[in-house]
C-alpha atoms as a PDB file:
ATOM      1  CA  MET A   1       5.036  50.996   7.731  1.00  0.00           C
ATOM      2  CA  ASN A   2       7.664  49.680  10.306  1.00  0.00           C
ATOM      3  CA  ALA A   3       5.672  50.225  13.435  1.00  0.00           C
ATOM      4  CA  VAL A   4       6.281  47.469  16.001  1.00  0.00           C
ATOM      5  CA  ARG A   5       3.319  45.921  17.538  1.00  0.00           C
ATOM      6  CA  THR A   6       3.154  46.177  21.319  1.00  0.00           C
ATOM      7  CA  ARG A   7       0.131  43.971  22.209  1.00  0.00           C
ATOM      8  CA  PRO A   8       0.874  41.710  25.077  1.00  0.00           C
ATOM      9  CA  ALA A   9       2.332  38.218  24.455  1.00  0.00           C
ATOM     10  CA  HIS A  10       2.068  35.400  27.070  1.00  0.00           C
ATOM     11  CA  GLY A  11       2.723  36.780  30.510  1.00  0.00           C
ATOM     12  CA  GLY A  12       2.126  40.326  29.525  1.00  0.00           C
ATOM     13  CA  ALA A  13       5.441  40.467  27.497  1.00  0.00           C
ATOM     14  CA  THR A  14       5.663  42.801  24.582  1.00  0.00           C
ATOM     15  CA  THR A  15       7.119  42.167  21.067  1.00  0.00           C
ATOM     16  CA  ARG A  16      10.722  42.834  20.471  1.00  0.00           C
ATOM     17  CA  PRO A  17      12.123  44.802  17.514  1.00  0.00           C
ATOM     18  CA  ASP A  18      15.156  42.657  17.151  1.00  0.00           C
ATOM     19  CA  ARG A  19      12.967  39.362  17.223  1.00  0.00           C
ATOM     20  CA  ARG A  20      10.767  40.943  14.499  1.00  0.00           C
ATOM     21  CA  GLU A  21      13.959  41.553  12.412  1.00  0.00           C
ATOM     22  CA  GLN A  22      15.154  38.049  13.143  1.00  0.00           C
ATOM     23  CA  ILE A  23      11.830  36.584  11.808  1.00  0.00           C
ATOM     24  CA  VAL A  24      11.832  38.797   8.639  1.00  0.00           C
ATOM     25  CA  ALA A  25      15.413  37.762   7.894  1.00  0.00           C
ATOM     26  CA  ALA A  26      14.537  34.101   8.349  1.00  0.00           C
ATOM     27  CA  ALA A  27      11.380  34.506   6.221  1.00  0.00           C
ATOM     28  CA  THR A  28      13.375  36.195   3.461  1.00  0.00           C
ATOM     29  CA  ALA A  29      15.762  33.180   3.356  1.00  0.00           C
ATOM     30  CA  VAL A  30      13.023  30.571   3.237  1.00  0.00           C
ATOM     31  CA  LEU A  31      10.719  32.253   0.901  1.00  0.00           C
ATOM     32  CA  GLY A  32      13.630  33.026  -1.382  1.00  0.00           C
ATOM     33  CA  ARG A  33      14.541  29.253  -1.404  1.00  0.00           C
ATOM     34  CA  GLN A  34      11.103  27.684  -1.505  1.00  0.00           C
ATOM     35  CA  GLY A  35       8.699  30.329  -2.853  1.00  0.00           C
ATOM     36  CA  TYR A  36       5.592  31.545  -1.210  1.00  0.00           C
ATOM     37  CA  ALA A  37       3.304  28.557  -2.033  1.00  0.00           C
ATOM     38  CA  ASN A  38       5.841  26.070  -0.668  1.00  0.00           C
ATOM     39  CA  THR A  39       6.628  27.868   2.591  1.00  0.00           C
ATOM     40  CA  SER A  40       4.722  27.430   5.874  1.00  0.00           C
ATOM     41  CA  LEU A  41       5.059  29.479   9.011  1.00  0.00           C
ATOM     42  CA  LYS A  42       6.614  26.371  10.615  1.00  0.00           C
ATOM     43  CA  ASP A  43       9.389  26.585   8.083  1.00  0.00           C
ATOM     44  CA  VAL A  44       9.998  30.211   8.890  1.00  0.00           C
ATOM     45  CA  ALA A  45       9.993  29.425  12.649  1.00  0.00           C
ATOM     46  CA  ALA A  46      12.460  26.669  12.175  1.00  0.00           C
ATOM     47  CA  GLU A  47      14.804  28.887  10.200  1.00  0.00           C
ATOM     48  CA  ALA A  48      14.490  31.564  12.929  1.00  0.00           C
ATOM     49  CA  GLY A  49      15.124  29.148  15.670  1.00  0.00           C
ATOM     50  CA  ILE A  50      11.813  30.023  17.575  1.00  0.00           C
ATOM     51  CA  ALA A  51       8.587  28.296  18.442  1.00  0.00           C
ATOM     52  CA  PRO A  52       5.956  28.439  15.704  1.00  0.00           C
ATOM     53  CA  GLY A  53       3.424  30.040  18.018  1.00  0.00           C
ATOM     54  CA  LEU A  54       5.677  32.953  18.640  1.00  0.00           C
ATOM     55  CA  LEU A  55       5.318  34.091  15.049  1.00  0.00           C
ATOM     56  CA  HIS A  56       1.704  35.045  15.635  1.00  0.00           C
ATOM     57  CA  TYR A  57       2.722  37.737  18.141  1.00  0.00           C
ATOM     58  CA  TYR A  58       4.549  39.519  15.192  1.00  0.00           C
ATOM     59  CA  PHE A  59       2.577  38.594  12.070  1.00  0.00           C
ATOM     60  CA  GLN A  60      -1.075  37.697  11.807  1.00  0.00           C
ATOM     61  CA  SER A  61      -0.573  35.360   8.855  1.00  0.00           C
ATOM     62  CA  LYS A  62       1.875  34.061   6.162  1.00  0.00           C
ATOM     63  CA  ASP A  63       0.449  36.708   3.858  1.00  0.00           C
ATOM     64  CA  ASP A  64       1.350  39.451   6.357  1.00  0.00           C
ATOM     65  CA  LEU A  65       4.863  38.115   6.654  1.00  0.00           C
ATOM     66  CA  LEU A  66       5.273  37.864   2.886  1.00  0.00           C
ATOM     67  CA  VAL A  67       4.457  41.561   2.456  1.00  0.00           C
ATOM     68  CA  GLU A  68       6.935  42.610   5.288  1.00  0.00           C
ATOM     69  CA  VAL A  69       9.682  40.629   3.521  1.00  0.00           C
ATOM     70  CA  VAL A  70       9.011  42.195   0.207  1.00  0.00           C
ATOM     71  CA  ALA A  71       8.701  45.665   1.732  1.00  0.00           C
ATOM     72  CA  GLU A  72      12.060  45.115   3.523  1.00  0.00           C
ATOM     73  CA  VAL A  73      13.879  44.011   0.397  1.00  0.00           C
ATOM     74  CA  ASP A  74      12.338  46.833  -1.562  1.00  0.00           C
ATOM     75  CA  ARG A  75      13.673  49.354   0.961  1.00  0.00           C
ATOM     76  CA  GLN A  76      17.088  47.801   0.603  1.00  0.00           C
ATOM     77  CA  LEU A  77      17.076  48.090  -3.127  1.00  0.00           C
ATOM     78  CA  GLN A  78      15.965  51.732  -3.064  1.00  0.00           C
ATOM     79  CA  LYS A  79      18.713  52.533  -0.488  1.00  0.00           C
ATOM     80  CA  GLU A  80      21.341  50.822  -2.725  1.00  0.00           C
ATOM     81  CA  TRP A  81      20.180  52.806  -5.716  1.00  0.00           C
ATOM     82  CA  ALA A  82      20.286  56.098  -3.779  1.00  0.00           C
ATOM     83  CA  GLU A  83      23.867  55.407  -2.523  1.00  0.00           C
ATOM     84  CA  GLY A  84      25.151  54.099  -5.927  1.00  0.00           C
ATOM     85  CA  ALA A  85      23.785  56.997  -7.887  1.00  0.00           C
ATOM     86  CA  SER A  86      24.546  59.743  -5.534  1.00  0.00           C
ATOM     87  CA  GLY A  87      27.646  60.861  -7.397  1.00  0.00           C
ATOM     88  CA  ILE A  88      26.063  60.668 -10.898  1.00  0.00           C
ATOM     89  CA  THR A  89      24.864  64.065 -11.989  1.00  0.00           C
ATOM     90  CA  ASP A  90      24.409  63.564 -15.834  1.00  0.00           C
ATOM     91  CA  PRO A  91      20.840  62.460 -16.648  1.00  0.00           C
ATOM     92  CA  MET A  92      21.958  60.255 -19.455  1.00  0.00           C
ATOM     93  CA  ALA A  93      24.400  58.507 -17.219  1.00  0.00           C
ATOM     94  CA  ARG A  94      21.791  58.067 -14.579  1.00  0.00           C
ATOM     95  CA  ILE A  95      19.484  56.364 -17.152  1.00  0.00           C
ATOM     96  CA  ASN A  96      22.314  54.009 -17.945  1.00  0.00           C
ATOM     97  CA  ALA A  97      23.123  53.307 -14.300  1.00  0.00           C
ATOM     98  CA  GLY A  98      19.368  52.725 -13.586  1.00  0.00           C
ATOM     99  CA  ILE A  99      19.127  50.106 -16.265  1.00  0.00           C
ATOM    100  CA  GLU A 100      22.384  48.421 -15.103  1.00  0.00           C
ATOM    101  CA  ARG A 101      20.987  48.421 -11.591  1.00  0.00           C
ATOM    102  CA  ALA A 102      17.722  46.728 -12.764  1.00  0.00           C
ATOM    103  CA  ILE A 103      19.708  44.079 -14.605  1.00  0.00           C
ATOM    104  CA  ARG A 104      21.795  43.452 -11.529  1.00  0.00           C
ATOM    105  CA  ASN A 105      18.795  43.412  -9.030  1.00  0.00           C
ATOM    106  CA  CYS A 106      16.971  40.915 -11.373  1.00  0.00           C
ATOM    107  CA  SER A 107      20.003  38.718 -11.820  1.00  0.00           C
ATOM    108  CA  GLU A 108      21.111  38.641  -8.216  1.00  0.00           C
ATOM    109  CA  LYS A 109      17.665  38.732  -6.496  1.00  0.00           C
ATOM    110  CA  PRO A 110      15.186  36.957  -8.762  1.00  0.00           C
ATOM    111  CA  GLU A 111      13.457  35.575  -5.656  1.00  0.00           C
ATOM    112  CA  PHE A 112      12.519  39.174  -4.704  1.00  0.00           C
ATOM    113  CA  PHE A 113      10.575  39.690  -8.065  1.00  0.00           C
ATOM    114  CA  ARG A 114       8.925  36.270  -7.550  1.00  0.00           C
ATOM    115  CA  LEU A 115       7.751  37.218  -4.132  1.00  0.00           C
ATOM    116  CA  LEU A 116       6.739  40.740  -5.296  1.00  0.00           C
ATOM    117  CA  LEU A 117       4.416  39.185  -7.865  1.00  0.00           C
ATOM    118  CA  ASP A 118       2.928  36.899  -5.163  1.00  0.00           C
ATOM    119  CA  ALA A 119       2.320  39.985  -3.010  1.00  0.00           C
ATOM    120  CA  TYR A 120       0.637  41.841  -5.733  1.00  0.00           C
ATOM    121  CA  ALA A 121      -1.594  38.878  -6.551  1.00  0.00           C
ATOM    122  CA  LEU A 122      -2.662  38.466  -2.926  1.00  0.00           C
ATOM    123  CA  GLY A 123      -3.355  42.217  -2.682  1.00  0.00           C
ATOM    124  CA  LEU A 124      -6.005  41.878  -5.394  1.00  0.00           C
ATOM    125  CA  ASP A 125      -8.199  40.012  -2.903  1.00  0.00           C
ATOM    126  CA  ASN A 126      -6.969  41.276   0.346  1.00  0.00           C
ATOM    127  CA  PRO A 127      -7.466  45.070   0.989  1.00  0.00           C
ATOM    128  CA  ALA A 128      -4.957  45.313   3.756  1.00  0.00           C
ATOM    129  CA  ILE A 129      -2.168  43.665   1.627  1.00  0.00           C
ATOM    130  CA  GLY A 130      -3.359  45.649  -1.450  1.00  0.00           C
ATOM    131  CA  ALA A 131      -2.742  48.941   0.637  1.00  0.00           C
ATOM    132  CA  ARG A 132       0.838  47.826   1.495  1.00  0.00           C
ATOM    133  CA  THR A 133       1.750  46.796  -2.071  1.00  0.00           C
ATOM    134  CA  GLN A 134       0.202  50.009  -3.359  1.00  0.00           C
ATOM    135  CA  GLU A 135       2.405  51.993  -1.006  1.00  0.00           C
ATOM    136  CA  MET A 136       5.481  50.120  -2.329  1.00  0.00           C
ATOM    137  CA  LEU A 137       4.434  50.804  -5.866  1.00  0.00           C
ATOM    138  CA  ASP A 138       3.777  54.564  -5.147  1.00  0.00           C
ATOM    139  CA  ASN A 139       7.190  54.784  -3.573  1.00  0.00           C
ATOM    140  CA  PHE A 140       8.785  53.294  -6.647  1.00  0.00           C
ATOM    141  CA  THR A 141       6.914  55.525  -9.040  1.00  0.00           C
ATOM    142  CA  ASP A 142       7.732  58.575  -6.921  1.00  0.00           C
ATOM    143  CA  LEU A 143      11.411  57.672  -7.301  1.00  0.00           C
ATOM    144  CA  ILE A 144      11.052  57.390 -11.109  1.00  0.00           C
ATOM    145  CA  ARG A 145       9.090  60.692 -11.217  1.00  0.00           C
ATOM    146  CA  ALA A 146      11.867  62.489  -9.280  1.00  0.00           C
ATOM    147  CA  GLU A 147      14.442  61.086 -11.827  1.00  0.00           C
ATOM    148  CA  MET A 148      12.416  62.291 -14.689  1.00  0.00           C
ATOM    149  CA  LEU A 149      11.866  65.783 -13.280  1.00  0.00           C
ATOM    150  CA  ALA A 150      15.626  65.993 -12.741  1.00  0.00           C
ATOM    151  CA  MET A 151      16.053  65.155 -16.505  1.00  0.00           C
ATOM    152  CA  GLN A 152      13.528  67.535 -17.576  1.00  0.00           C
ATOM    153  CA  ASP A 153      15.893  70.542 -17.089  1.00  0.00           C
ATOM    154  CA  ARG A 154      18.138  69.048 -19.700  1.00  0.00           C
ATOM    155  CA  LEU A 155      15.610  68.295 -22.351  1.00  0.00           C
ATOM    156  CA  PRO A 156      14.377  70.760 -25.044  1.00  0.00           C
ATOM    157  CA  MET A 157      10.831  69.472 -24.566  1.00  0.00           C
ATOM    158  CA  PRO A 158       9.060  69.028 -21.143  1.00  0.00           C
ATOM    159  CA  VAL A 159       7.777  65.682 -19.972  1.00  0.00           C
ATOM    160  CA  PRO A 160       3.980  65.689 -19.945  1.00  0.00           C
ATOM    161  CA  GLU A 161       2.762  66.399 -16.463  1.00  0.00           C
ATOM    162  CA  ASN A 162      -0.817  65.166 -16.857  1.00  0.00           C
ATOM    163  CA  GLU A 163      -0.461  61.523 -15.676  1.00  0.00           C
ATOM    164  CA  ASP A 164      -4.157  60.868 -16.291  1.00  0.00           C
ATOM    165  CA  ILE A 165      -3.186  60.929 -19.971  1.00  0.00           C
ATOM    166  CA  PHE A 166       0.530  60.026 -20.099  1.00  0.00           C
ATOM    167  CA  ASP A 167       1.688  58.123 -17.066  1.00  0.00           C
ATOM    168  CA  PHE A 168       5.407  57.840 -17.770  1.00  0.00           C
ATOM    169  CA  PRO A 169       6.462  56.942 -14.261  1.00  0.00           C
ATOM    170  CA  GLY A 170       3.837  54.212 -14.218  1.00  0.00           C
ATOM    171  CA  ALA A 171       5.031  52.972 -17.535  1.00  0.00           C
ATOM    172  CA  VAL A 172       8.599  52.875 -16.545  1.00  0.00           C
ATOM    173  CA  ALA A 173       7.779  50.978 -13.292  1.00  0.00           C
ATOM    174  CA  GLY A 174       5.679  48.517 -15.196  1.00  0.00           C
ATOM    175  CA  ALA A 175       8.520  47.900 -17.656  1.00  0.00           C
ATOM    176  CA  ILE A 176      11.093  47.432 -15.017  1.00  0.00           C
ATOM    177  CA  ASN A 177       9.041  44.949 -13.054  1.00  0.00           C
ATOM    178  CA  GLY A 178       7.472  43.290 -16.102  1.00  0.00           C
ATOM    179  CA  ILE A 179      10.816  42.551 -17.675  1.00  0.00           C
ATOM    180  CA  ALA A 180      12.033  40.996 -14.366  1.00  0.00           C
ATOM    181  CA  TRP A 181       8.778  38.836 -14.202  1.00  0.00           C
ATOM    182  CA  LEU A 182       9.086  37.799 -17.883  1.00  0.00           C
ATOM    183  CA  SER A 183      12.656  36.701 -17.365  1.00  0.00           C
ATOM    184  CA  LEU A 184      11.514  34.450 -14.630  1.00  0.00           C
ATOM    185  CA  VAL A 185       8.703  32.893 -16.679  1.00  0.00           C
ATOM    186  CA  ARG A 186      11.021  32.533 -19.711  1.00  0.00           C
ATOM    187  CA  GLY A 187      14.000  31.296 -17.726  1.00  0.00           C
ATOM    188  CA  LYS A 188      16.206  33.658 -19.536  1.00  0.00           C
ATOM    189  CA  SER A 189      18.571  36.558 -18.706  1.00  0.00           C
ATOM    190  CA  PRO A 190      16.667  39.893 -18.365  1.00  0.00           C
ATOM    191  CA  ALA A 191      19.698  41.748 -19.859  1.00  0.00           C
ATOM    192  CA  PRO A 192      18.526  41.717 -23.516  1.00  0.00           C
ATOM    193  CA  ALA A 193      15.052  43.046 -22.746  1.00  0.00           C
ATOM    194  CA  TYR A 194      16.402  45.714 -20.366  1.00  0.00           C
ATOM    195  CA  ASN A 195      18.904  46.714 -23.021  1.00  0.00           C
ATOM    196  CA  ALA A 196      15.914  47.187 -25.485  1.00  0.00           C
ATOM    197  CA  PHE A 197      14.048  49.215 -22.872  1.00  0.00           C
ATOM    198  CA  ARG A 198      17.200  51.394 -22.545  1.00  0.00           C
ATOM    199  CA  MET A 199      17.263  51.976 -26.230  1.00  0.00           C
ATOM    200  CA  TYR A 200      13.630  52.978 -26.123  1.00  0.00           C
ATOM    201  CA  ILE A 201      14.229  55.546 -23.380  1.00  0.00           C
ATOM    202  CA  LEU A 202      17.216  56.953 -25.149  1.00  0.00           C
ATOM    203  CA  GLY A 203      15.245  57.010 -28.320  1.00  0.00           C
ATOM    204  CA  LEU A 204      12.512  59.126 -26.805  1.00  0.00           C
ATOM    205  CA  THR A 205      15.083  61.508 -25.608  1.00  0.00           C
ATOM    206  CA  THR A 206      16.647  61.760 -29.024  1.00  0.00           C
ATOM    207  CA  VAL A 207      13.223  62.463 -30.449  1.00  0.00           C
ATOM    208  CA  ALA A 208      12.849  65.441 -28.129  1.00  0.00           C
ATOM    209  CA  TYR A 209      16.042  66.963 -29.408  1.00  0.00           C
ATOM    210  CA  MET A 210      15.171  66.345 -33.099  1.00  0.00           C
ATOM    211  CA  ALA A 211      11.611  67.795 -32.657  1.00  0.00           C
ATOM    212  CA  ALA A 212      13.131  70.986 -31.259  1.00  0.00           C
ATOM    213  CA  GLY A 213      15.684  71.050 -34.083  1.00  0.00           C
ATOM    214  CA  GLN A 214      18.691  70.871 -31.756  1.00  0.00           C
ATOM    215  CA  GLU A 215      21.693  68.700 -31.973  1.00  0.00           C
ATOM    216  CA  LEU A 216      22.122  65.714 -29.722  1.00  0.00           C
ATOM    217  CA  PRO A 217      24.512  66.454 -26.732  1.00  0.00           C
ATOM    218  CA  PRO A 218      27.650  64.455 -26.837  1.00  0.00           C
ATOM    219  CA  GLU A 219      26.688  62.384 -23.759  1.00  0.00           C
ATOM    220  CA  LEU A 220      23.438  61.231 -25.362  1.00  0.00           C
ATOM    221  CA  THR A 221      25.220  60.272 -28.560  1.00  0.00           C
ATOM    222  CA  LYS A 222      27.745  58.267 -26.559  1.00  0.00           C
ATOM    223  CA  GLN A 223      24.849  56.551 -24.566  1.00  0.00           C
ATOM    224  CA  LEU A 224      23.198  55.565 -27.890  1.00  0.00           C
ATOM    225  CA  MET A 225      26.407  54.182 -29.257  1.00  0.00           C
ATOM    226  CA  ASP A 226      27.125  52.241 -26.045  1.00  0.00           C
ATOM    227  CA  ALA A 227      23.607  51.011 -25.718  1.00  0.00           C
ATOM    228  CA  GLY A 228      23.528  49.971 -29.432  1.00  0.00           C
ATOM    229  CA  GLY A 229      26.437  47.559 -28.813  1.00  0.00           C
ATOM    230  CA  GLY A 230      27.919  48.313 -32.279  1.00  0.00           C
ATOM    231  CA  VAL A 231      24.544  48.208 -34.064  1.00  0.00           C
ATOM    232  CA  PHE A 232      24.841  51.886 -34.934  1.00  0.00           C
ATOM    233  CA  PRO A 233      27.768  53.155 -36.861  1.00  0.00           C
ATOM    234  CA  ALA A 234      29.943  55.839 -35.258  1.00  0.00           C
ATOM    235  CA  GLU A 235      29.565  57.924 -38.355  1.00  0.00           C
ATOM    236  CA  PRO A 236      26.478  58.279 -40.601  1.00  0.00           C
ATOM    237  CA  THR A 237      26.725  56.253 -43.812  1.00  0.00           C
ATOM    238  CA  PRO A 238      26.974  58.592 -46.901  1.00  0.00           C
END
Protein backbone atom coordinates (compact mmCIF):
# COMPACT_ATOMS: atom_id res chain seq x y z
CA MET A 1 0.00 0.00 0.00
CA ASN A 2 2.86 2.38 0.83
CA ALA A 3 5.21 1.42 -2.01
CA VAL A 4 7.11 4.43 -3.34
CA ARG A 5 7.10 4.93 -7.08
CA THR A 6 10.50 5.03 -8.67
CA ARG A 7 9.72 5.94 -12.28
CA PRO A 8 12.13 8.62 -13.52
CA ALA A 9 11.19 12.28 -13.21
CA HIS A 10 12.77 15.05 -15.30
CA GLY A 11 16.48 14.46 -15.76
CA GLY A 12 16.21 10.85 -14.61
CA ALA A 13 15.57 11.72 -10.95
CA THR A 14 13.50 9.38 -8.82
CA THR A 15 10.71 10.20 -6.41
CA ARG A 16 11.59 10.88 -2.78
CA PRO A 17 9.75 9.27 0.13
CA ASP A 18 10.00 12.48 2.19
CA ARG A 19 8.53 14.52 -0.68
CA ARG A 20 5.63 12.10 -0.95
CA GLU A 21 4.98 12.42 2.78
CA GLN A 22 5.14 16.20 2.44
CA ILE A 23 2.50 16.12 -0.30
CA VAL A 24 0.22 13.80 1.67
CA ALA A 25 0.48 16.07 4.72
CA ALA A 26 -0.35 19.13 2.61
CA ALA A 27 -3.26 17.37 0.91
CA THR A 28 -4.62 16.28 4.29
CA ALA A 29 -4.67 19.89 5.45
CA VAL A 30 -6.23 21.30 2.27
CA LEU A 31 -8.80 18.55 1.78
CA GLY A 32 -9.77 18.80 5.43
CA ARG A 33 -10.37 22.55 5.10
CA GLN A 34 -11.98 22.70 1.68
CA GLY A 35 -13.40 19.25 0.98
CA TYR A 36 -12.66 17.07 -2.03
CA ALA A 37 -14.90 18.87 -4.55
CA ASN A 38 -13.43 22.30 -3.76
CA THR A 39 -9.77 21.24 -3.80
CA SER A 40 -7.49 21.27 -6.84
CA LEU A 41 -4.03 19.85 -7.29
CA LYS A 42 -2.80 23.44 -7.53
CA ASP A 43 -4.16 24.05 -4.03
CA VAL A 44 -2.26 21.04 -2.74
CA ALA A 45 0.93 22.10 -4.51
CA ALA A 46 0.66 25.58 -3.02
CA GLU A 47 0.18 24.12 0.47
CA ALA A 48 3.21 21.85 -0.03
CA GLY A 49 5.32 24.65 -1.50
CA ILE A 50 6.15 22.76 -4.69
CA ALA A 51 5.48 23.18 -8.40
CA PRO A 52 2.08 21.78 -9.51
CA GLY A 53 3.71 19.61 -12.15
CA LEU A 54 5.76 17.81 -9.53
CA LEU A 55 2.62 16.28 -8.02
CA HIS A 56 2.16 14.05 -11.05
CA TYR A 57 5.42 12.25 -10.33
CA TYR A 58 3.88 11.01 -7.08
CA PHE A 59 0.15 10.81 -7.77
CA GLN A 60 -1.62 10.20 -11.05
CA SER A 61 -4.71 12.24 -10.15
CA LYS A 62 -6.58 14.05 -7.39
CA ASP A 63 -8.55 10.85 -6.83
CA ASP A 64 -5.32 8.91 -6.24
CA LEU A 65 -4.15 11.57 -3.78
CA LEU A 66 -7.48 11.53 -1.92
CA VAL A 67 -7.28 7.79 -1.31
CA GLU A 68 -3.71 8.05 -0.05
CA VAL A 69 -4.74 10.79 2.38
CA VAL A 70 -7.66 8.72 3.67
CA ALA A 71 -5.48 5.61 3.97
CA GLU A 72 -2.84 7.52 5.94
CA VAL A 73 -5.34 8.98 8.41
CA ASP A 74 -6.97 5.55 8.73
CA ARG A 75 -3.59 4.03 9.63
CA GLN A 76 -3.06 6.72 12.24
CA LEU A 77 -6.47 6.12 13.83
CA GLN A 78 -5.93 2.37 14.03
CA LYS A 79 -2.47 2.91 15.53
CA GLU A 80 -3.94 5.26 18.16
CA TRP A 81 -6.57 2.66 19.05
CA ALA A 82 -3.98 -0.11 19.39
CA GLU A 83 -1.83 2.04 21.66
CA GLY A 84 -4.73 3.37 23.73
CA ALA A 85 -6.37 -0.02 24.27
CA SER A 86 -3.20 -2.03 24.87
CA GLY A 87 -3.67 -2.06 28.66
CA ILE A 88 -7.42 -2.79 28.64
CA THR A 89 -8.04 -6.50 29.06
CA ASP A 90 -11.69 -6.64 30.13
CA PRO A 91 -13.91 -7.09 27.04
CA MET A 92 -16.69 -4.88 28.42
CA ALA A 93 -14.21 -2.10 29.14
CA ARG A 94 -12.85 -2.44 25.59
CA ILE A 95 -16.36 -2.01 24.19
CA ASN A 96 -16.73 1.17 26.19
CA ALA A 97 -13.26 2.38 25.16
CA GLY A 98 -14.03 1.63 21.51
CA ILE A 99 -17.21 3.69 21.53
CA GLU A 100 -15.45 6.55 23.33
CA ARG A 101 -12.71 6.41 20.71
CA ALA A 102 -15.30 6.55 17.90
CA ILE A 103 -16.93 9.61 19.49
CA ARG A 104 -13.57 11.32 19.84
CA ASN A 105 -12.47 10.49 16.29
CA CYS A 106 -15.71 11.79 14.81
CA SER A 107 -15.64 14.95 16.93
CA GLU A 108 -11.97 15.75 16.39
CA LYS A 109 -11.55 14.56 12.78
CA PRO A 110 -14.92 15.09 11.02
CA GLU A 111 -13.04 15.91 7.82
CA PHE A 112 -11.67 12.34 7.72
CA PHE A 113 -15.15 10.84 7.57
CA ARG A 114 -16.18 13.32 4.91
CA LEU A 115 -13.16 12.38 2.80
CA LEU A 116 -13.72 8.68 3.51
CA LEU A 117 -17.24 8.99 2.10
CA ASP A 118 -15.84 10.76 -0.97
CA ALA A 119 -13.31 7.97 -1.46
CA TYR A 120 -15.95 5.24 -1.19
CA ALA A 121 -18.16 7.08 -3.70
CA LEU A 122 -15.29 7.39 -6.17
CA GLY A 123 -14.46 3.72 -5.71
CA LEU A 124 -17.88 2.70 -7.00
CA ASP A 125 -16.87 3.81 -10.51
CA ASN A 126 -13.09 3.49 -10.34
CA PRO A 127 -11.84 -0.11 -9.86
CA ALA A 128 -8.37 0.97 -8.70
CA ILE A 129 -9.76 3.27 -6.03
CA GLY A 130 -12.40 0.71 -5.17
CA ALA A 131 -9.66 -1.84 -4.46
CA ARG A 132 -7.92 0.60 -2.09
CA THR A 133 -11.07 1.51 -0.19
CA GLN A 134 -12.01 -2.18 0.02
CA GLU A 135 -8.59 -2.87 1.54
CA MET A 136 -9.17 -0.19 4.17
CA LEU A 137 -12.61 -1.58 4.95
CA ASP A 138 -11.22 -5.11 5.20
CA ASN A 139 -8.58 -3.90 7.67
CA PHE A 140 -11.27 -2.21 9.75
CA THR A 141 -13.54 -5.27 9.82
CA ASP A 142 -10.55 -7.50 10.63
CA LEU A 143 -9.85 -5.30 13.66
CA ILE A 144 -13.48 -5.58 14.77
CA ARG A 145 -13.46 -9.35 14.20
CA ALA A 146 -10.39 -9.72 16.38
CA GLU A 147 -12.10 -7.76 19.16
CA MET A 148 -15.19 -9.96 18.91
CA LEU A 149 -13.14 -13.16 19.02
CA ALA A 150 -11.39 -11.89 22.14
CA MET A 151 -14.79 -11.32 23.75
CA GLN A 152 -16.09 -14.71 22.74
CA ASP A 153 -14.15 -16.47 25.48
CA ARG A 154 -16.05 -14.42 28.04
CA LEU A 155 -19.53 -15.00 26.65
CA PRO A 156 -21.77 -18.00 27.46
CA MET A 157 -22.90 -18.15 23.83
CA PRO A 158 -20.48 -18.04 20.86
CA VAL A 159 -20.60 -15.33 18.23
CA PRO A 160 -21.92 -16.81 14.93
CA GLU A 161 -18.98 -17.58 12.65
CA ASN A 162 -20.86 -17.82 9.33
CA GLU A 163 -20.57 -14.24 8.09
CA ASP A 164 -22.55 -15.11 4.97
CA ILE A 165 -25.57 -15.20 7.29
CA PHE A 166 -24.60 -12.95 10.22
CA ASP A 167 -21.86 -10.47 9.37
CA PHE A 168 -21.36 -8.87 12.79
CA PRO A 169 -17.99 -7.22 11.96
CA GLY A 170 -19.54 -5.67 8.86
CA ALA A 171 -22.56 -4.49 10.83
CA VAL A 172 -20.37 -2.86 13.49
CA ALA A 173 -18.14 -1.20 10.87
CA GLY A 174 -21.22 0.09 9.07
CA ALA A 175 -22.67 1.46 12.29
CA ILE A 176 -19.47 3.24 13.32
CA ASN A 177 -18.93 4.89 9.94
CA GLY A 178 -22.63 5.43 9.34
CA ILE A 179 -23.14 7.29 12.60
CA ALA A 180 -20.19 9.54 11.75
CA TRP A 181 -21.63 10.33 8.32
CA LEU A 182 -25.10 10.89 9.76
CA SER A 183 -23.68 13.40 12.24
CA LEU A 184 -22.09 15.32 9.38
CA VAL A 185 -25.35 15.47 7.43
CA ARG A 186 -27.40 16.44 10.48
CA GLY A 187 -24.83 18.85 11.85
CA LYS A 188 -25.19 17.32 15.30
CA SER A 189 -22.90 15.67 17.82
CA PRO A 190 -22.41 11.95 17.12
CA ALA A 191 -22.29 11.12 20.85
CA PRO A 192 -26.01 10.34 21.39
CA ALA A 193 -26.15 7.96 18.43
CA TYR A 194 -22.90 6.26 19.47
CA ASN A 195 -24.26 5.93 23.01
CA ALA A 196 -27.38 4.25 21.62
CA PHE A 197 -25.17 1.87 19.65
CA ARG A 198 -23.20 1.14 22.82
CA MET A 199 -26.45 0.21 24.58
CA TYR A 200 -27.35 -2.07 21.67
CA ILE A 201 -24.02 -3.95 21.87
CA LEU A 202 -24.23 -4.28 25.65
CA GLY A 203 -27.83 -5.40 25.30
CA LEU A 204 -26.86 -8.21 22.95
CA THR A 205 -24.24 -9.31 25.45
CA THR A 206 -26.84 -9.25 28.22
CA VAL A 207 -29.20 -11.41 26.16
CA ALA A 208 -26.43 -13.99 25.72
CA TYR A 209 -26.13 -14.36 29.49
CA MET A 210 -29.89 -14.43 30.02
CA ALA A 211 -30.39 -17.07 27.30
CA ALA A 212 -27.78 -19.25 29.01
CA GLY A 213 -29.47 -18.78 32.39
CA GLN A 214 -26.41 -17.11 33.87
CA GLU A 215 -26.08 -14.01 36.02
CA LEU A 216 -24.60 -10.92 34.49
CA PRO A 217 -20.96 -10.38 35.49
CA PRO A 218 -20.42 -7.28 37.65
CA GLU A 219 -18.42 -5.48 34.95
CA LEU A 220 -21.26 -5.86 32.44
CA THR A 221 -23.80 -4.60 34.97
CA LYS A 222 -21.61 -1.57 35.64
CA GLN A 223 -21.23 -0.87 31.92
CA LEU A 224 -25.01 -1.00 31.50
CA MET A 225 -25.53 1.40 34.37
CA ASP A 226 -22.87 3.78 33.09
CA ALA A 227 -24.08 3.62 29.50
CA GLY A 228 -27.67 4.18 30.62
CA GLY A 229 -26.72 7.52 32.15
CA GLY A 230 -29.13 7.06 35.01
CA VAL A 231 -31.97 5.76 32.84
CA PHE A 232 -31.81 2.36 34.51
CA PRO A 233 -32.22 2.09 38.30
CA ALA A 234 -29.37 0.65 40.31
CA GLU A 235 -31.78 -1.78 41.96
CA PRO A 236 -34.82 -3.46 40.34
CA THR A 237 -38.14 -1.85 41.20
CA PRO A 238 -40.24 -4.21 43.38
